Amino acid sequence: MKKYEAVFILDIRKVDDDGKAYSKELVEFIESIGGKVNEVIAMGRKQFSYEIKKRKGGIYLNLFFELDPLKVIEIKEKYMLDERVLRNMIIVDERPAEIRSLKVVEEQ
């Protein structure tokens, strides 16, 4: 299994409770296809520098998880057509865990 980092930008008008229920749904889906979620960071509402699908802001979620590389395609396909998602990006997380944890501590 490889480590991945994903960022989801959710539509404010279609998601309640700042994305908590959505993040729980996302975690359950990743675990149901054999993955392991290490960390979920709700980054809150942020304004865009330019409009995305006629929206001026969105709710940001950042996930760190481990999953088989062939299963990542399932996540992309499922959430590509989800109307609650404005944008998403999944990348391989090759950073050492110490560096990532230092960055989170500095931001708080």
Protein backbone atom coordinates (compact mmCIF):
# COMPACT_ATOMS: atom_id res chain seq x y z
CA MET A 1 0.00 0.00 0.00
CA LYS A 2 1.16 3.51 -0.81
CA LYS A 3 0.61 6.68 1.17
CA TYR A 4 -1.57 9.37 -0.40
CA GLU A 5 -2.66 12.90 0.36
CA ALA A 6 -6.01 14.15 -0.94
CA VAL A 7 -7.56 17.59 -0.94
CA PHE A 8 -11.29 18.00 -1.52
CA ILE A 9 -13.00 21.35 -2.03
CA LEU A 10 -16.70 21.08 -1.22
CA ASP A 11 -19.57 23.28 -2.35
CA ILE A 12 -20.77 25.37 0.62
CA ARG A 13 -24.37 25.32 -0.62
CA LYS A 14 -24.57 21.53 -0.85
CA VAL A 15 -22.72 20.46 2.31
CA ASP A 16 -23.94 20.98 5.86
CA ASP A 17 -21.94 21.09 9.11
CA ASP A 18 -18.70 22.28 7.43
CA GLY A 19 -18.12 18.90 5.79
CA LYS A 20 -17.95 16.72 8.92
CA ALA A 21 -20.56 14.25 7.62
CA TYR A 22 -18.91 14.29 4.20
CA SER A 23 -15.47 13.55 5.65
CA LYS A 24 -16.95 10.66 7.65
CA GLU A 25 -18.54 9.29 4.45
CA LEU A 26 -15.22 9.62 2.62
CA VAL A 27 -13.31 7.83 5.40
CA GLU A 28 -15.86 4.99 5.42
CA PHE A 29 -15.54 4.59 1.64
CA ILE A 30 -11.73 4.46 1.76
CA GLU A 31 -11.84 1.87 4.54
CA SER A 32 -14.48 -0.17 2.68
CA ILE A 33 -12.14 -0.60 -0.32
CA GLY A 34 -9.26 -1.73 1.89
CA GLY A 35 -7.54 1.54 2.78
CA LYS A 36 -6.41 2.99 6.07
CA VAL A 37 -7.05 6.66 6.86
CA ASN A 38 -4.25 8.15 8.96
CA GLU A 39 -5.46 11.72 9.37
CA VAL A 40 -8.31 14.01 8.34
CA ILE A 41 -7.81 17.76 8.59
CA ALA A 42 -10.84 20.00 8.18
CA MET A 43 -9.34 23.26 6.94
CA GLY A 44 -12.65 25.11 7.01
CA ARG A 45 -14.17 27.65 4.64
CA LYS A 46 -11.90 29.63 2.37
CA GLN A 47 -12.47 32.24 -0.30
CA PHE A 48 -11.25 31.47 -3.83
CA SER A 49 -9.02 33.83 -5.77
CA TYR A 50 -11.28 33.16 -8.77
CA GLU A 51 -14.69 31.56 -9.11
CA ILE A 52 -15.05 27.80 -9.51
CA LYS A 53 -18.38 26.71 -10.99
CA LYS A 54 -19.85 30.12 -10.11
CA ARG A 55 -18.87 29.76 -6.43
CA LYS A 56 -16.72 32.24 -4.54
CA GLY A 57 -15.65 29.94 -1.71
CA GLY A 58 -15.59 26.36 -0.53
CA ILE A 59 -14.93 23.98 2.34
CA TYR A 60 -11.49 22.37 2.28
CA LEU A 61 -10.73 18.85 3.52
CA ASN A 62 -7.25 17.33 3.64
CA LEU A 63 -6.85 13.55 4.04
CA PHE A 64 -3.81 11.36 4.53
CA PHE A 65 -4.40 7.68 3.83
CA GLU A 66 -2.81 4.43 2.70
CA LEU A 67 -4.30 2.46 -0.18
CA ASP A 68 -3.47 0.06 -2.98
CA PRO A 69 -2.56 2.14 -6.08
CA LEU A 70 -5.19 0.41 -8.23
CA LYS A 71 -7.96 1.36 -5.79
CA VAL A 72 -7.20 5.10 -6.02
CA ILE A 73 -8.95 5.09 -9.39
CA GLU A 74 -12.17 4.05 -7.61
CA ILE A 75 -12.01 7.13 -5.39
CA LYS A 76 -11.39 9.44 -8.35
CA GLU A 77 -14.25 7.93 -10.35
CA LYS A 78 -16.73 8.02 -7.47
CA TYR A 79 -16.11 11.64 -6.45
CA MET A 80 -15.51 13.08 -9.93
CA LEU A 81 -19.26 13.14 -10.56
CA ASP A 82 -20.33 14.05 -7.01
CA GLU A 83 -22.13 17.41 -7.17
CA ARG A 84 -20.94 18.31 -3.66
CA VAL A 85 -17.28 18.32 -4.80
CA LEU A 86 -15.99 21.37 -6.66
CA ARG A 87 -12.41 20.10 -6.98
CA ASN A 88 -10.34 17.20 -5.73
CA MET A 89 -6.73 16.16 -6.00
CA ILE A 90 -5.03 12.96 -4.89
CA ILE A 91 -1.24 12.73 -4.89
CA VAL A 92 1.33 10.26 -3.61
CA ASP A 93 2.63 11.40 -0.22
CA GLU A 94 6.36 10.80 -0.29
CA ARG A 95 7.26 13.15 2.56
CA PRO A 96 8.65 11.65 5.77
CA ALA A 97 6.08 11.64 8.59
CA GLU A 98 8.31 13.87 10.76
CA ILE A 99 8.22 16.72 8.23
CA ARG A 100 4.44 16.60 7.83
CA SER A 101 3.86 16.58 11.59
CA LEU A 102 6.19 19.59 12.05
CA LYS A 103 4.22 21.58 9.47
CA VAL A 104 0.90 20.86 11.23
CA VAL A 105 2.36 21.94 14.59
CA GLU A 106 3.71 25.20 13.13
CA GLU A 107 0.31 26.13 11.65
CA GLN A 108 -1.49 25.69 14.97
